[in-house]
C-alpha atoms as a PDB file:
ATOM      1  CA  MET A   1      55.261   2.449 -20.549  1.00  0.00           C
ATOM      2  CA  GLY A   2      55.911   2.859 -16.345  1.00  0.00           C
ATOM      3  CA  ALA A   3      54.744   0.875 -14.111  1.00  0.00           C
ATOM      4  CA  LEU A   4      51.338   3.693 -12.865  1.00  0.00           C
ATOM      5  CA  GLN A   5      50.190   3.734 -16.199  1.00  0.00           C
ATOM      6  CA  SER A   6      50.024   0.008 -16.852  1.00  0.00           C
ATOM      7  CA  LEU A   7      48.198  -0.687 -13.539  1.00  0.00           C
ATOM      8  CA  GLN A   8      45.908   2.824 -14.636  1.00  0.00           C
ATOM      9  CA  ARG A   9      44.997   1.641 -18.109  1.00  0.00           C
ATOM     10  CA  GLN A  10      43.761  -1.967 -16.343  1.00  0.00           C
ATOM     11  CA  VAL A  11      42.333   0.044 -13.473  1.00  0.00           C
ATOM     12  CA  LEU A  12      40.016   1.868 -16.432  1.00  0.00           C
ATOM     13  CA  GLY A  13      39.454  -1.225 -18.685  1.00  0.00           C
ATOM     14  CA  LEU A  14      38.144  -2.418 -15.730  1.00  0.00           C
ATOM     15  CA  ILE A  15      34.013  -1.031 -16.820  1.00  0.00           C
ATOM     16  CA  GLY A  16      32.414   0.732 -19.653  1.00  0.00           C
ATOM     17  CA  ARG A  17      29.313   2.479 -20.246  1.00  0.00           C
ATOM     18  CA  ALA A  18      27.915   1.527 -23.297  1.00  0.00           C
ATOM     19  CA  VAL A  19      24.393   1.579 -25.849  1.00  0.00           C
ATOM     20  CA  VAL A  20      22.512  -1.165 -25.927  1.00  0.00           C
ATOM     21  CA  LYS A  21      21.867  -2.207 -29.870  1.00  0.00           C
ATOM     22  CA  SER A  22      18.990  -5.413 -29.145  1.00  0.00           C
ATOM     23  CA  ILE A  23      18.825  -7.918 -25.834  1.00  0.00           C
ATOM     24  CA  ASN A  24      17.853 -11.404 -25.775  1.00  0.00           C
ATOM     25  CA  THR A  25      15.184 -12.644 -23.202  1.00  0.00           C
ATOM     26  CA  ALA A  26      14.522 -16.914 -24.311  1.00  0.00           C
ATOM     27  CA  SER A  27      17.936 -17.504 -23.012  1.00  0.00           C
ATOM     28  CA  LYS A  28      18.512 -18.118 -19.060  1.00  0.00           C
ATOM     29  CA  CYS A  29      20.278 -15.075 -18.589  1.00  0.00           C
ATOM     30  CA  GLN A  30      19.203 -12.137 -21.012  1.00  0.00           C
ATOM     31  CA  MET A  31      22.477 -11.518 -23.945  1.00  0.00           C
ATOM     32  CA  VAL A  32      22.768  -8.349 -24.566  1.00  0.00           C
ATOM     33  CA  ASP A  33      23.828  -6.558 -27.962  1.00  0.00           C
ATOM     34  CA  LEU A  34      26.021  -3.799 -27.214  1.00  0.00           C
ATOM     35  CA  GLU A  35      28.449  -0.626 -28.761  1.00  0.00           C
ATOM     36  CA  LEU A  36      30.467   0.024 -25.952  1.00  0.00           C
ATOM     37  CA  LEU A  37      31.384   4.097 -26.624  1.00  0.00           C
ATOM     38  CA  ALA A  38      34.719   3.874 -27.935  1.00  0.00           C
ATOM     39  CA  GLY A  39      32.493   2.086 -31.273  1.00  0.00           C
ATOM     40  CA  GLN A  40      33.750  -0.980 -30.360  1.00  0.00           C
ATOM     41  CA  GLN A  41      30.648  -4.300 -30.765  1.00  0.00           C
ATOM     42  CA  LYS A  42      29.998  -6.931 -28.450  1.00  0.00           C
ATOM     43  CA  ALA A  43      27.277  -9.488 -29.294  1.00  0.00           C
ATOM     44  CA  GLY A  44      26.389 -11.942 -26.659  1.00  0.00           C
ATOM     45  CA  ILE A  45      26.659 -10.770 -23.443  1.00  0.00           C
ATOM     46  CA  GLU A  46      25.752 -11.622 -20.030  1.00  0.00           C
ATOM     47  CA  HIS A  47      23.147  -9.195 -18.654  1.00  0.00           C
ATOM     48  CA  LEU A  48      23.060 -10.252 -14.426  1.00  0.00           C
ATOM     49  CA  GLU A  49      19.571  -9.375 -13.534  1.00  0.00           C
ATOM     50  CA  PRO A  50      19.083  -9.054  -9.470  1.00  0.00           C
ATOM     51  CA  TYR A  51      16.483 -10.873  -8.058  1.00  0.00           C
ATOM     52  CA  GLY A  52      12.801 -10.869  -9.565  1.00  0.00           C
ATOM     53  CA  PHE A  53      13.085  -8.179 -11.565  1.00  0.00           C
ATOM     54  CA  THR A  54      13.516  -9.005 -15.597  1.00  0.00           C
ATOM     55  CA  SER A  55      12.565  -6.737 -18.506  1.00  0.00           C
ATOM     56  CA  ASN A  56      13.019  -5.873 -21.542  1.00  0.00           C
ATOM     57  CA  ALA A  57      15.185  -1.782 -22.677  1.00  0.00           C
ATOM     58  CA  ASN A  58      15.057  -0.325 -26.033  1.00  0.00           C
ATOM     59  CA  ALA A  59      17.615  -0.365 -28.549  1.00  0.00           C
ATOM     60  CA  GLY A  60      19.340   3.231 -27.626  1.00  0.00           C
ATOM     61  CA  SER A  61      18.918   2.463 -23.387  1.00  0.00           C
ATOM     62  CA  GLU A  62      22.922   2.640 -21.704  1.00  0.00           C
ATOM     63  CA  ALA A  63      24.571  -0.061 -20.030  1.00  0.00           C
ATOM     64  CA  VAL A  64      26.953  -0.197 -17.723  1.00  0.00           C
ATOM     65  CA  VAL A  65      29.446  -3.572 -18.093  1.00  0.00           C
ATOM     66  CA  LEU A  66      32.435  -4.944 -16.010  1.00  0.00           C
ATOM     67  CA  PHE A  67      35.375  -6.680 -17.764  1.00  0.00           C
ATOM     68  CA  PRO A  68      36.253  -9.448 -14.906  1.00  0.00           C
ATOM     69  CA  ASP A  69      40.095  -8.832 -14.324  1.00  0.00           C
ATOM     70  CA  GLY A  70      40.438  -6.163 -17.390  1.00  0.00           C
ATOM     71  CA  ASP A  71      39.239  -9.194 -19.919  1.00  0.00           C
ATOM     72  CA  ARG A  72      37.714  -7.441 -22.977  1.00  0.00           C
ATOM     73  CA  SER A  73      37.132 -10.639 -24.385  1.00  0.00           C
ATOM     74  CA  HIS A  74      34.933 -11.016 -21.398  1.00  0.00           C
ATOM     75  CA  ALA A  75      31.941  -8.952 -20.455  1.00  0.00           C
ATOM     76  CA  VAL A  76      29.047  -8.585 -17.704  1.00  0.00           C
ATOM     77  CA  VAL A  77      26.517  -6.207 -17.864  1.00  0.00           C
ATOM     78  CA  ILE A  78      25.192  -4.601 -14.464  1.00  0.00           C
ATOM     79  CA  SER A  79      23.358  -2.432 -15.420  1.00  0.00           C
ATOM     80  CA  VAL A  80      20.785  -0.779 -18.277  1.00  0.00           C
ATOM     81  CA  SER A  81      19.130   2.296 -17.712  1.00  0.00           C
ATOM     82  CA  ASP A  82      16.468   4.337 -20.274  1.00  0.00           C
ATOM     83  CA  ARG A  83      16.987   8.173 -18.964  1.00  0.00           C
ATOM     84  CA  ARG A  84      14.245   8.523 -22.149  1.00  0.00           C
ATOM     85  CA  TYR A  85      11.958   7.319 -20.306  1.00  0.00           C
ATOM     86  CA  ARG A  86      12.428   7.589 -16.101  1.00  0.00           C
ATOM     87  CA  VAL A  87       9.956   8.882 -14.096  1.00  0.00           C
ATOM     88  CA  LYS A  88      11.169  12.339 -12.314  1.00  0.00           C
ATOM     89  CA  GLY A  89      10.211  13.847  -8.989  1.00  0.00           C
ATOM     90  CA  LEU A  90      10.044  10.747  -6.487  1.00  0.00           C
ATOM     91  CA  LYS A  91      10.563  12.333  -2.863  1.00  0.00           C
ATOM     92  CA  THR A  92      13.154  11.047  -1.383  1.00  0.00           C
ATOM     93  CA  GLY A  93      12.632   6.770  -0.674  1.00  0.00           C
ATOM     94  CA  GLU A  94      10.118   6.916  -3.335  1.00  0.00           C
ATOM     95  CA  VAL A  95      10.620   4.204  -5.933  1.00  0.00           C
ATOM     96  CA  ALA A  96       8.817   3.538  -8.902  1.00  0.00           C
ATOM     97  CA  PHE A  97       8.526  -0.178 -11.724  1.00  0.00           C
ATOM     98  CA  TYR A  98       7.438   1.754 -15.319  1.00  0.00           C
ATOM     99  CA  ASP A  99       8.041   1.542 -18.916  1.00  0.00           C
ATOM    100  CA  ASP A 100       8.213   3.095 -22.520  1.00  0.00           C
ATOM    101  CA  GLN A 101       4.079   3.191 -22.830  1.00  0.00           C
ATOM    102  CA  GLY A 102       4.081   5.224 -19.541  1.00  0.00           C
ATOM    103  CA  GLN A 103       2.844   2.575 -17.388  1.00  0.00           C
ATOM    104  CA  SER A 104       3.923   2.388 -13.340  1.00  0.00           C
ATOM    105  CA  VAL A 105       3.340   1.274  -9.938  1.00  0.00           C
ATOM    106  CA  THR A 106       5.513   4.174  -7.731  1.00  0.00           C
ATOM    107  CA  LEU A 107       5.288   3.113  -4.323  1.00  0.00           C
ATOM    108  CA  THR A 108       4.801   7.052  -2.931  1.00  0.00           C
ATOM    109  CA  ARG A 109       5.354   8.375   0.731  1.00  0.00           C
ATOM    110  CA  SER A 110       0.730   8.643   0.930  1.00  0.00           C
ATOM    111  CA  GLY A 111       0.791   5.063  -1.253  1.00  0.00           C
ATOM    112  CA  ILE A 112       0.665   2.972  -4.063  1.00  0.00           C
ATOM    113  CA  VAL A 113      -0.122   4.601  -7.463  1.00  0.00           C
ATOM    114  CA  VAL A 114      -0.444   2.509 -10.452  1.00  0.00           C
ATOM    115  CA  ASP A 115      -0.989   4.486 -13.520  1.00  0.00           C
ATOM    116  CA  GLY A 116      -2.458   1.481 -16.776  1.00  0.00           C
ATOM    117  CA  GLY A 117      -0.760   4.174 -19.252  1.00  0.00           C
ATOM    118  CA  GLY A 118      -4.450   3.913 -20.584  1.00  0.00           C
ATOM    119  CA  LYS A 119      -4.073   0.000 -20.905  1.00  0.00           C
ATOM    120  CA  ILE A 120      -6.039  -2.376 -18.861  1.00  0.00           C
ATOM    121  CA  ILE A 121      -4.578  -3.464 -15.131  1.00  0.00           C
ATOM    122  CA  THR A 122      -5.277  -6.940 -15.414  1.00  0.00           C
ATOM    123  CA  PHE A 123      -5.130  -9.359 -11.946  1.00  0.00           C
ATOM    124  CA  LYS A 124      -5.002 -13.294 -13.095  1.00  0.00           C
ATOM    125  CA  ASN A 125      -3.859 -16.836 -12.064  1.00  0.00           C
ATOM    126  CA  ALA A 126      -5.279 -15.783  -8.269  1.00  0.00           C
ATOM    127  CA  PRO A 127      -8.774 -17.534  -6.781  1.00  0.00           C
ATOM    128  CA  LYS A 128      -9.879 -14.957  -5.399  1.00  0.00           C
ATOM    129  CA  ALA A 129      -8.929 -11.157  -4.889  1.00  0.00           C
ATOM    130  CA  ARG A 130      -9.278  -9.413  -0.971  1.00  0.00           C
ATOM    131  CA  PHE A 131      -9.407  -6.272  -0.309  1.00  0.00           C
ATOM    132  CA  GLU A 132      -9.103  -4.935   3.435  1.00  0.00           C
ATOM    133  CA  MET A 133     -10.108  -1.836   3.727  1.00  0.00           C
ATOM    134  CA  PRO A 134     -13.070   0.305   2.060  1.00  0.00           C
ATOM    135  CA  ILE A 135     -13.240   0.327  -1.833  1.00  0.00           C
ATOM    136  CA  GLU A 136     -14.240   3.195  -3.551  1.00  0.00           C
ATOM    137  CA  SER A 137     -14.727   4.187  -7.569  1.00  0.00           C
ATOM    138  CA  THR A 138     -15.020   6.836 -10.075  1.00  0.00           C
ATOM    139  CA  GLY A 139     -15.903   5.479 -12.231  1.00  0.00           C
ATOM    140  CA  ASP A 140     -18.649   2.552 -12.897  1.00  0.00           C
ATOM    141  CA  ILE A 141     -17.830  -1.015 -11.768  1.00  0.00           C
ATOM    142  CA  THR A 142     -19.353  -3.832 -13.862  1.00  0.00           C
ATOM    143  CA  ASP A 143     -20.302  -7.419 -12.688  1.00  0.00           C
ATOM    144  CA  LEU A 144     -19.747 -10.772 -15.429  1.00  0.00           C
ATOM    145  CA  CYS A 145     -18.042  -7.306 -17.501  1.00  0.00           C
ATOM    146  CA  ASP A 146     -16.941 -10.343 -20.043  1.00  0.00           C
ATOM    147  CA  SER A 147     -20.532 -11.362 -20.235  1.00  0.00           C
ATOM    148  CA  THR A 148     -23.864 -10.136 -19.779  1.00  0.00           C
ATOM    149  CA  GLY A 149     -23.300  -7.766 -16.614  1.00  0.00           C
ATOM    150  CA  LEU A 150     -24.319  -5.086 -15.378  1.00  0.00           C
ATOM    151  CA  THR A 151     -22.898  -1.683 -13.764  1.00  0.00           C
ATOM    152  CA  MET A 152     -24.246  -1.187 -10.450  1.00  0.00           C
ATOM    153  CA  ALA A 153     -25.319   2.591 -11.713  1.00  0.00           C
ATOM    154  CA  ALA A 154     -28.087   0.326 -13.857  1.00  0.00           C
ATOM    155  CA  MET A 155     -28.210  -2.670 -10.798  1.00  0.00           C
ATOM    156  CA  ARG A 156     -29.630   0.472  -8.966  1.00  0.00           C
ATOM    157  CA  VAL A 157     -31.573   1.793 -11.131  1.00  0.00           C
ATOM    158  CA  ALA A 158     -33.359  -1.684 -12.142  1.00  0.00           C
ATOM    159  CA  TYR A 159     -33.598  -1.890  -7.561  1.00  0.00           C
ATOM    160  CA  ASN A 160     -35.762   0.866  -6.967  1.00  0.00           C
ATOM    161  CA  GLY A 161     -38.325   0.765 -10.505  1.00  0.00           C
ATOM    162  CA  HIS A 162     -38.192  -2.607  -9.771  1.00  0.00           C
ATOM    163  CA  LYS A 163     -42.515  -3.682  -9.041  1.00  0.00           C
ATOM    164  CA  HIS A 164     -43.561  -7.265  -9.513  1.00  0.00           C
ATOM    165  CA  ASN A 165     -46.626  -9.691  -9.530  1.00  0.00           C
ATOM    166  CA  GLU A 166     -47.386 -10.566  -6.400  1.00  0.00           C
ATOM    167  CA  ASN A 167     -50.461 -12.984  -5.272  1.00  0.00           C
ATOM    168  CA  GLY A 168     -51.689 -11.291  -8.144  1.00  0.00           C
ATOM    169  CA  ASN A 169     -51.795  -7.540  -6.773  1.00  0.00           C
ATOM    170  CA  THR A 170     -48.151  -5.935  -9.149  1.00  0.00           C
ATOM    171  CA  THR A 171     -45.966  -4.377  -5.584  1.00  0.00           C
ATOM    172  CA  ASP A 172     -44.689  -0.797  -4.589  1.00  0.00           C
ATOM    173  CA  VAL A 173     -41.643   0.055  -5.208  1.00  0.00           C
ATOM    174  CA  PRO A 174     -38.570  -0.612  -2.714  1.00  0.00           C
ATOM    175  CA  ASP A 175     -39.274   1.821   0.261  1.00  0.00           C
ATOM    176  CA  THR A 176     -35.879   1.792   1.106  1.00  0.00           C
ATOM    177  CA  LYS A 177     -34.305   3.017  -2.174  1.00  0.00           C
ATOM    178  CA  MET A 178     -30.370   1.682  -3.461  1.00  0.00           C
ATOM    179  CA  GLU A 179     -28.360   5.580  -3.016  1.00  0.00           C
ATOM    180  CA  ALA A 180     -25.570   5.776  -5.059  1.00  0.00           C
END
């Protein structure tokens, strides 16, 4: 074998594609078990994730694996992707975070779209939520929703029909109705 062929083999051995078998997210650096496209099994490979982002991809996802110095005994996963669930049809410059259940956050050209995939969206561990813009809802808004809360619509009905005793007389309903 010539020197050029040897160099070519070393360069081609620096990078590989693989299929994810399982992921261990409990360690400081995520560890991936995978199968290289040649059928070679590799276990406990470090997955170097981008700062501020982590995920636990499904078995069957695809990975890009680097072998520093062409050493197949020491690998590093640099990317894991799953084309089965990838959000399609984004416009140039748009960004999306997504999972296999249809949940996503998409930064579109016209605004941010949060899709809960039919599941509850929970905001937690904050002293308050502050919205510096008008709020619109196509559904009911409920206060004290985990206990005895009422919807805004129910509160409006109660207010608009409200009468009470005052100084021995029953008051009239409010002059100004609360509108929807």
